[in-house]
mmCIF file of all heavy atoms, coordinates in Angstrom:
data_MODEL
# 
_entry.id   MODEL 
# 
loop_
_atom_site.group_PDB 
_atom_site.id 
_atom_site.type_symbol 
_atom_site.label_atom_id 
_atom_site.label_alt_id 
_atom_site.label_comp_id 
_atom_site.label_asym_id 
_atom_site.label_entity_id 
_atom_site.label_seq_id 
_atom_site.pdbx_PDB_ins_code 
_atom_site.Cartn_x 
_atom_site.Cartn_y 
_atom_site.Cartn_z 
_atom_site.occupancy 
_atom_site.B_iso_or_equiv 
_atom_site.pdbx_formal_charge 
_atom_site.auth_seq_id 
_atom_site.auth_comp_id 
_atom_site.auth_asym_id 
_atom_site.auth_atom_id 
_atom_site.pdbx_PDB_model_num 
ATOM 1   N N   . ALA A 1 1  ? 91.424  103.925 85.116  1.00 0.00 ? 1  ALA A N   1 
ATOM 2   C CA  . ALA A 1 1  ? 91.570  104.237 86.531  1.00 0.00 ? 1  ALA A CA  1 
ATOM 3   C C   . ALA A 1 1  ? 93.064  104.339 86.890  1.00 0.00 ? 1  ALA A C   1 
ATOM 4   O O   . ALA A 1 1  ? 93.906  103.685 86.268  1.00 0.00 ? 1  ALA A O   1 
ATOM 5   C CB  . ALA A 1 1  ? 90.936  103.133 87.382  1.00 0.00 ? 1  ALA A CB  1 
ATOM 6   N N   . GLU A 1 2  ? 93.352  105.161 87.884  1.00 0.00 ? 2  GLU A N   1 
ATOM 7   C CA  . GLU A 1 2  ? 94.696  105.316 88.395  1.00 0.00 ? 2  GLU A CA  1 
ATOM 8   C C   . GLU A 1 2  ? 95.013  104.196 89.382  1.00 0.00 ? 2  GLU A C   1 
ATOM 9   O O   . GLU A 1 2  ? 94.140  103.792 90.132  1.00 0.00 ? 2  GLU A O   1 
ATOM 10  C CB  . GLU A 1 2  ? 94.843  106.670 89.106  1.00 0.00 ? 2  GLU A CB  1 
ATOM 11  C CG  . GLU A 1 2  ? 94.694  107.872 88.193  1.00 0.00 ? 2  GLU A CG  1 
ATOM 12  C CD  . GLU A 1 2  ? 95.861  108.007 87.233  1.00 0.00 ? 2  GLU A CD  1 
ATOM 13  O OE1 . GLU A 1 2  ? 97.014  107.751 87.672  1.00 0.00 ? 2  GLU A OE1 1 
ATOM 14  O OE2 . GLU A 1 2  ? 95.614  108.351 86.076  1.00 0.00 ? 2  GLU A OE2 1 
ATOM 15  N N   . PRO A 1 3  ? 96.258  103.722 89.425  1.00 0.00 ? 3  PRO A N   1 
ATOM 16  C CA  . PRO A 1 3  ? 96.610  102.704 90.413  1.00 0.00 ? 3  PRO A CA  1 
ATOM 17  C C   . PRO A 1 3  ? 96.648  103.302 91.833  1.00 0.00 ? 3  PRO A C   1 
ATOM 18  O O   . PRO A 1 3  ? 96.953  104.492 92.022  1.00 0.00 ? 3  PRO A O   1 
ATOM 19  C CB  . PRO A 1 3  ? 97.996  102.245 89.970  1.00 0.00 ? 3  PRO A CB  1 
ATOM 20  C CG  . PRO A 1 3  ? 98.572  103.420 89.232  1.00 0.00 ? 3  PRO A CG  1 
ATOM 21  C CD  . PRO A 1 3  ? 97.384  104.078 88.585  1.00 0.00 ? 3  PRO A CD  1 
ATOM 22  N N   . ALA A 1 4  ? 96.311  102.486 92.804  1.00 0.00 ? 4  ALA A N   1 
ATOM 23  C CA  . ALA A 1 4  ? 96.417  102.886 94.194  1.00 0.00 ? 4  ALA A CA  1 
ATOM 24  C C   . ALA A 1 4  ? 97.894  102.710 94.597  1.00 0.00 ? 4  ALA A C   1 
ATOM 25  O O   . ALA A 1 4  ? 98.628  101.886 94.022  1.00 0.00 ? 4  ALA A O   1 
ATOM 26  C CB  . ALA A 1 4  ? 95.510  102.006 95.056  1.00 0.00 ? 4  ALA A CB  1 
ATOM 27  N N   . PRO A 1 5  ? 98.343  103.469 95.604  1.00 0.00 ? 5  PRO A N   1 
ATOM 28  C CA  . PRO A 1 5  ? 99.738  103.374 96.049  1.00 0.00 ? 5  PRO A CA  1 
ATOM 29  C C   . PRO A 1 5  ? 100.003 102.149 96.913  1.00 0.00 ? 5  PRO A C   1 
ATOM 30  O O   . PRO A 1 5  ? 100.309 102.237 98.102  1.00 0.00 ? 5  PRO A O   1 
ATOM 31  C CB  . PRO A 1 5  ? 99.925  104.677 96.823  1.00 0.00 ? 5  PRO A CB  1 
ATOM 32  C CG  . PRO A 1 5  ? 98.586  105.011 97.352  1.00 0.00 ? 5  PRO A CG  1 
ATOM 33  C CD  . PRO A 1 5  ? 97.604  104.504 96.300  1.00 0.00 ? 5  PRO A CD  1 
ATOM 34  N N   . THR A 1 6  ? 99.868  100.959 96.324  1.00 0.00 ? 6  THR A N   1 
ATOM 35  C CA  . THR A 1 6  ? 100.077 99.734  97.064  1.00 0.00 ? 6  THR A CA  1 
ATOM 36  C C   . THR A 1 6  ? 101.469 99.158  96.850  1.00 0.00 ? 6  THR A C   1 
ATOM 37  O O   . THR A 1 6  ? 101.835 98.204  97.538  1.00 0.00 ? 6  THR A O   1 
ATOM 38  C CB  . THR A 1 6  ? 99.066  98.648  96.666  1.00 0.00 ? 6  THR A CB  1 
ATOM 39  O OG1 . THR A 1 6  ? 99.247  98.352  95.253  1.00 0.00 ? 6  THR A OG1 1 
ATOM 40  C CG2 . THR A 1 6  ? 97.643  99.071  96.911  1.00 0.00 ? 6  THR A CG2 1 
ATOM 41  N N   . GLY A 1 7  ? 102.184 99.652  95.870  1.00 0.00 ? 7  GLY A N   1 
ATOM 42  C CA  . GLY A 1 7  ? 103.497 99.090  95.550  1.00 0.00 ? 7  GLY A CA  1 
ATOM 43  C C   . GLY A 1 7  ? 103.325 97.997  94.520  1.00 0.00 ? 7  GLY A C   1 
ATOM 44  O O   . GLY A 1 7  ? 102.231 97.646  94.098  1.00 0.00 ? 7  GLY A O   1 
ATOM 45  N N   . PRO A 1 8  ? 104.461 97.448  94.069  1.00 0.00 ? 8  PRO A N   1 
ATOM 46  C CA  . PRO A 1 8  ? 104.436 96.412  93.025  1.00 0.00 ? 8  PRO A CA  1 
ATOM 47  C C   . PRO A 1 8  ? 103.974 95.051  93.550  1.00 0.00 ? 8  PRO A C   1 
ATOM 48  O O   . PRO A 1 8  ? 104.011 94.794  94.748  1.00 0.00 ? 8  PRO A O   1 
ATOM 49  C CB  . PRO A 1 8  ? 105.876 96.361  92.555  1.00 0.00 ? 8  PRO A CB  1 
ATOM 50  C CG  . PRO A 1 8  ? 106.684 96.762  93.742  1.00 0.00 ? 8  PRO A CG  1 
ATOM 51  C CD  . PRO A 1 8  ? 105.833 97.780  94.457  1.00 0.00 ? 8  PRO A CD  1 
ATOM 52  N N   . GLY A 1 9  ? 103.556 94.196  92.647  1.00 0.00 ? 9  GLY A N   1 
ATOM 53  C CA  . GLY A 1 9  ? 103.151 92.853  93.001  1.00 0.00 ? 9  GLY A CA  1 
ATOM 54  C C   . GLY A 1 9  ? 101.745 92.794  93.547  1.00 0.00 ? 9  GLY A C   1 
ATOM 55  O O   . GLY A 1 9  ? 100.952 93.721  93.436  1.00 0.00 ? 9  GLY A O   1 
ATOM 56  N N   . THR A 1 10 ? 101.427 91.654  94.127  1.00 0.00 ? 10 THR A N   1 
ATOM 57  C CA  . THR A 1 10 ? 100.097 91.398  94.694  1.00 0.00 ? 10 THR A CA  1 
ATOM 58  C C   . THR A 1 10 ? 100.163 91.560  96.204  1.00 0.00 ? 10 THR A C   1 
ATOM 59  O O   . THR A 1 10 ? 101.026 91.000  96.880  1.00 0.00 ? 10 THR A O   1 
ATOM 60  C CB  . THR A 1 10 ? 99.613  89.981  94.330  1.00 0.00 ? 10 THR A CB  1 
ATOM 61  O OG1 . THR A 1 10 ? 99.644  89.811  92.917  1.00 0.00 ? 10 THR A OG1 1 
ATOM 62  C CG2 . THR A 1 10 ? 98.242  89.711  94.865  1.00 0.00 ? 10 THR A CG2 1 
ATOM 63  N N   . VAL A 1 11 ? 99.205  92.340  96.721  1.00 0.00 ? 11 VAL A N   1 
ATOM 64  C CA  . VAL A 1 11 ? 99.154  92.614  98.163  1.00 0.00 ? 11 VAL A CA  1 
ATOM 65  C C   . VAL A 1 11 ? 97.710  92.490  98.657  1.00 0.00 ? 11 VAL A C   1 
ATOM 66  O O   . VAL A 1 11 ? 96.766  92.649  97.890  1.00 0.00 ? 11 VAL A O   1 
ATOM 67  C CB  . VAL A 1 11 ? 99.675  94.011  98.511  1.00 0.00 ? 11 VAL A CB  1 
ATOM 68  C CG1 . VAL A 1 11 ? 101.125 94.166  98.094  1.00 0.00 ? 11 VAL A CG1 1 
ATOM 69  C CG2 . VAL A 1 11 ? 98.823  95.100  97.882  1.00 0.00 ? 11 VAL A CG2 1 
ATOM 70  N N   . VAL A 1 12 ? 97.577  92.205  99.949  1.00 0.00 ? 12 VAL A N   1 
ATOM 71  C CA  . VAL A 1 12 ? 96.292  92.283  100.609 1.00 0.00 ? 12 VAL A CA  1 
ATOM 72  C C   . VAL A 1 12 ? 96.089  93.788  100.878 1.00 0.00 ? 12 VAL A C   1 
ATOM 73  O O   . VAL A 1 12 ? 96.787  94.380  101.704 1.00 0.00 ? 12 VAL A O   1 
ATOM 74  C CB  . VAL A 1 12 ? 96.236  91.508  101.925 1.00 0.00 ? 12 VAL A CB  1 
ATOM 75  C CG1 . VAL A 1 12 ? 94.907  91.745  102.633 1.00 0.00 ? 12 VAL A CG1 1 
ATOM 76  C CG2 . VAL A 1 12 ? 96.441  90.018  101.675 1.00 0.00 ? 12 VAL A CG2 1 
ATOM 77  N N   . ALA A 1 13 ? 95.174  94.391  100.156 1.00 0.00 ? 13 ALA A N   1 
ATOM 78  C CA  . ALA A 1 13 ? 94.953  95.838  100.280 1.00 0.00 ? 13 ALA A CA  1 
ATOM 79  C C   . ALA A 1 13 ? 93.973  96.191  101.368 1.00 0.00 ? 13 ALA A C   1 
ATOM 80  O O   . ALA A 1 13 ? 93.979  97.312  101.844 1.00 0.00 ? 13 ALA A O   1 
ATOM 81  C CB  . ALA A 1 13 ? 94.492  96.370  98.923  1.00 0.00 ? 13 ALA A CB  1 
ATOM 82  N N   . ALA A 1 14 ? 93.107  95.246  101.695 1.00 0.00 ? 14 ALA A N   1 
ATOM 83  C CA  . ALA A 1 14 ? 92.085  95.477  102.758 1.00 0.00 ? 14 ALA A CA  1 
ATOM 84  C C   . ALA A 1 14 ? 91.663  94.128  103.312 1.00 0.00 ? 14 ALA A C   1 
ATOM 85  O O   . ALA A 1 14 ? 91.679  93.134  102.593 1.00 0.00 ? 14 ALA A O   1 
ATOM 86  C CB  . ALA A 1 14 ? 90.903  96.231  102.200 1.00 0.00 ? 14 ALA A CB  1 
ATOM 87  N N   . GLU A 1 15 ? 91.260  94.160  104.581 1.00 0.00 ? 15 GLU A N   1 
ATOM 88  C CA  . GLU A 1 15 ? 90.776  92.923  105.197 1.00 0.00 ? 15 GLU A CA  1 
ATOM 89  C C   . GLU A 1 15 ? 89.784  93.270  106.292 1.00 0.00 ? 15 GLU A C   1 
ATOM 90  O O   . GLU A 1 15 ? 89.888  94.325  106.934 1.00 0.00 ? 15 GLU A O   1 
ATOM 91  C CB  . GLU A 1 15 ? 91.909  92.085  105.730 1.00 0.00 ? 15 GLU A CB  1 
ATOM 92  C CG  . GLU A 1 15 ? 92.765  92.774  106.779 1.00 0.00 ? 15 GLU A CG  1 
ATOM 93  C CD  . GLU A 1 15 ? 93.997  91.969  107.138 1.00 0.00 ? 15 GLU A CD  1 
ATOM 94  O OE1 . GLU A 1 15 ? 93.847  90.753  107.462 1.00 0.00 ? 15 GLU A OE1 1 
ATOM 95  O OE2 . GLU A 1 15 ? 95.094  92.540  107.149 1.00 0.00 ? 15 GLU A OE2 1 
ATOM 96  N N   . ALA A 1 16 ? 88.847  92.383  106.470 1.00 0.00 ? 16 ALA A N   1 
ATOM 97  C CA  . ALA A 1 16 ? 87.855  92.574  107.529 1.00 0.00 ? 16 ALA A CA  1 
ATOM 98  C C   . ALA A 1 16 ? 87.564  91.209  108.133 1.00 0.00 ? 16 ALA A C   1 
ATOM 99  O O   . ALA A 1 16 ? 87.157  90.266  107.432 1.00 0.00 ? 16 ALA A O   1 
ATOM 100 C CB  . ALA A 1 16 ? 86.579  93.176  106.989 1.00 0.00 ? 16 ALA A CB  1 
ATOM 101 N N   . GLN A 1 17 ? 87.750  91.118  109.432 1.00 0.00 ? 17 GLN A N   1 
ATOM 102 C CA  . GLN A 1 17 ? 87.420  89.887  110.145 1.00 0.00 ? 17 GLN A CA  1 
ATOM 103 C C   . GLN A 1 17 ? 85.888  89.822  110.343 1.00 0.00 ? 17 GLN A C   1 
ATOM 104 O O   . GLN A 1 17 ? 85.274  90.837  110.621 1.00 0.00 ? 17 GLN A O   1 
ATOM 105 C CB  . GLN A 1 17 ? 88.133  89.877  111.493 1.00 0.00 ? 17 GLN A CB  1 
ATOM 106 C CG  . GLN A 1 17 ? 88.075  88.534  112.184 1.00 0.00 ? 17 GLN A CG  1 
ATOM 107 C CD  . GLN A 1 17 ? 88.998  88.511  113.389 1.00 0.00 ? 17 GLN A CD  1 
ATOM 108 O OE1 . GLN A 1 17 ? 89.600  89.483  113.786 1.00 0.00 ? 17 GLN A OE1 1 
ATOM 109 N NE2 . GLN A 1 17 ? 89.141  87.338  113.949 1.00 0.00 ? 17 GLN A NE2 1 
ATOM 110 N N   . LEU A 1 18 ? 85.346  88.661  110.172 1.00 0.00 ? 18 LEU A N   1 
ATOM 111 C CA  . LEU A 1 18 ? 83.902  88.461  110.332 1.00 0.00 ? 18 LEU A CA  1 
ATOM 112 C C   . LEU A 1 18 ? 83.593  88.057  111.763 1.00 0.00 ? 18 LEU A C   1 
ATOM 113 O O   . LEU A 1 18 ? 84.255  87.177  112.312 1.00 0.00 ? 18 LEU A O   1 
ATOM 114 C CB  . LEU A 1 18 ? 83.420  87.408  109.350 1.00 0.00 ? 18 LEU A CB  1 
ATOM 115 C CG  . LEU A 1 18 ? 83.678  87.695  107.877 1.00 0.00 ? 18 LEU A CG  1 
ATOM 116 C CD1 . LEU A 1 18 ? 83.324  86.529  107.016 1.00 0.00 ? 18 LEU A CD1 1 
ATOM 117 C CD2 . LEU A 1 18 ? 82.961  88.984  107.447 1.00 0.00 ? 18 LEU A CD2 1 
ATOM 118 N N   . VAL A 1 19 ? 82.568  88.668  112.323 1.00 0.00 ? 19 VAL A N   1 
ATOM 119 C CA  . VAL A 1 19 ? 82.138  88.367  113.688 1.00 0.00 ? 19 VAL A CA  1 
ATOM 120 C C   . VAL A 1 19 ? 80.648  88.117  113.659 1.00 0.00 ? 19 VAL A C   1 
ATOM 121 O O   . VAL A 1 19 ? 79.857  88.974  113.183 1.00 0.00 ? 19 VAL A O   1 
ATOM 122 C CB  . VAL A 1 19 ? 82.448  89.541  114.671 1.00 0.00 ? 19 VAL A CB  1 
ATOM 123 C CG1 . VAL A 1 19 ? 82.040  89.144  116.071 1.00 0.00 ? 19 VAL A CG1 1 
ATOM 124 C CG2 . VAL A 1 19 ? 83.916  89.915  114.607 1.00 0.00 ? 19 VAL A CG2 1 
ATOM 125 N N   . THR A 1 20 ? 80.234  86.938  114.126 1.00 0.00 ? 20 THR A N   1 
ATOM 126 C CA  . THR A 1 20 ? 78.817  86.608  114.159 1.00 0.00 ? 20 THR A CA  1 
ATOM 127 C C   . THR A 1 20 ? 78.129  87.329  115.333 1.00 0.00 ? 20 THR A C   1 
ATOM 128 O O   . THR A 1 20 ? 78.777  87.876  116.211 1.00 0.00 ? 20 THR A O   1 
ATOM 129 C CB  . THR A 1 20 ? 78.576  85.096  114.321 1.00 0.00 ? 20 THR A CB  1 
ATOM 130 O OG1 . THR A 1 20 ? 78.988  84.729  115.641 1.00 0.00 ? 20 THR A OG1 1 
ATOM 131 C CG2 . THR A 1 20 ? 79.332  84.303  113.272 1.00 0.00 ? 20 THR A CG2 1 
ATOM 132 N N   . GLU A 1 21 ? 76.802  87.264  115.325 1.00 0.00 ? 21 GLU A N   1 
ATOM 133 C CA  . GLU A 1 21 ? 76.032  87.840  116.438 1.00 0.00 ? 21 GLU A CA  1 
ATOM 134 C C   . GLU A 1 21 ? 76.355  87.174  117.741 1.00 0.00 ? 21 GLU A C   1 
ATOM 135 O O   . GLU A 1 21 ? 76.223  87.762  118.822 1.00 0.00 ? 21 GLU A O   1 
ATOM 136 C CB  . GLU A 1 21 ? 74.530  87.726  116.150 1.00 0.00 ? 21 GLU A CB  1 
ATOM 137 C CG  . GLU A 1 21 ? 74.035  88.556  115.006 1.00 0.00 ? 21 GLU A CG  1 
ATOM 138 C CD  . GLU A 1 21 ? 74.279  87.951  113.609 1.00 0.00 ? 21 GLU A CD  1 
ATOM 139 O OE1 . GLU A 1 21 ? 74.883  86.847  113.517 1.00 0.00 ? 21 GLU A OE1 1 
ATOM 140 O OE2 . GLU A 1 21 ? 73.875  88.557  112.623 1.00 0.00 ? 21 GLU A OE2 1 
ATOM 141 N N   . ALA A 1 22 ? 76.807  85.919  117.707 1.00 0.00 ? 22 ALA A N   1 
ATOM 142 C CA  . ALA A 1 22 ? 77.167  85.181  118.912 1.00 0.00 ? 22 ALA A CA  1 
ATOM 143 C C   . ALA A 1 22 ? 78.612  85.423  119.356 1.00 0.00 ? 22 ALA A C   1 
ATOM 144 O O   . ALA A 1 22 ? 79.098  84.841  120.297 1.00 0.00 ? 22 ALA A O   1 
ATOM 145 C CB  . ALA A 1 22 ? 76.962  83.675  118.672 1.00 0.00 ? 22 ALA A CB  1 
ATOM 146 N N   . GLY A 1 23 ? 79.321  86.316  118.624 1.00 0.00 ? 23 GLY A N   1 
ATOM 147 C CA  . GLY A 1 23 ? 80.686  86.663  118.971 1.00 0.00 ? 23 GLY A CA  1 
ATOM 148 C C   . GLY A 1 23 ? 81.742  85.697  118.450 1.00 0.00 ? 23 GLY A C   1 
ATOM 149 O O   . GLY A 1 23 ? 82.876  85.727  118.876 1.00 0.00 ? 23 GLY A O   1 
ATOM 150 N N   . GLU A 1 24 ? 81.347  84.822  117.521 1.00 0.00 ? 24 GLU A N   1 
ATOM 151 C CA  . GLU A 1 24 ? 82.300  83.891  116.945 1.00 0.00 ? 24 GLU A CA  1 
ATOM 152 C C   . GLU A 1 24 ? 83.002  84.530  115.739 1.00 0.00 ? 24 GLU A C   1 
ATOM 153 O O   . GLU A 1 24 ? 82.464  85.452  115.115 1.00 0.00 ? 24 GLU A O   1 
ATOM 154 C CB  . GLU A 1 24 ? 81.573  82.602  116.497 1.00 0.00 ? 24 GLU A CB  1 
ATOM 155 C CG  . GLU A 1 24 ? 80.946  81.881  117.694 1.00 0.00 ? 24 GLU A CG  1 
ATOM 156 C CD  . GLU A 1 24 ? 80.152  80.664  117.225 1.00 0.00 ? 24 GLU A CD  1 
ATOM 157 O OE1 . GLU A 1 24 ? 79.003  80.833  116.797 1.00 0.00 ? 24 GLU A OE1 1 
ATOM 158 O OE2 . GLU A 1 24 ? 80.721  79.568  117.293 1.00 0.00 ? 24 GLU A OE2 1 
# 
């Protein structure tokens, strides 16, 4: 596989906040 253009080192490449049905 080809590397993604994230730059060197370790990075957070994606994130998703979790939201419950009650809005928490």
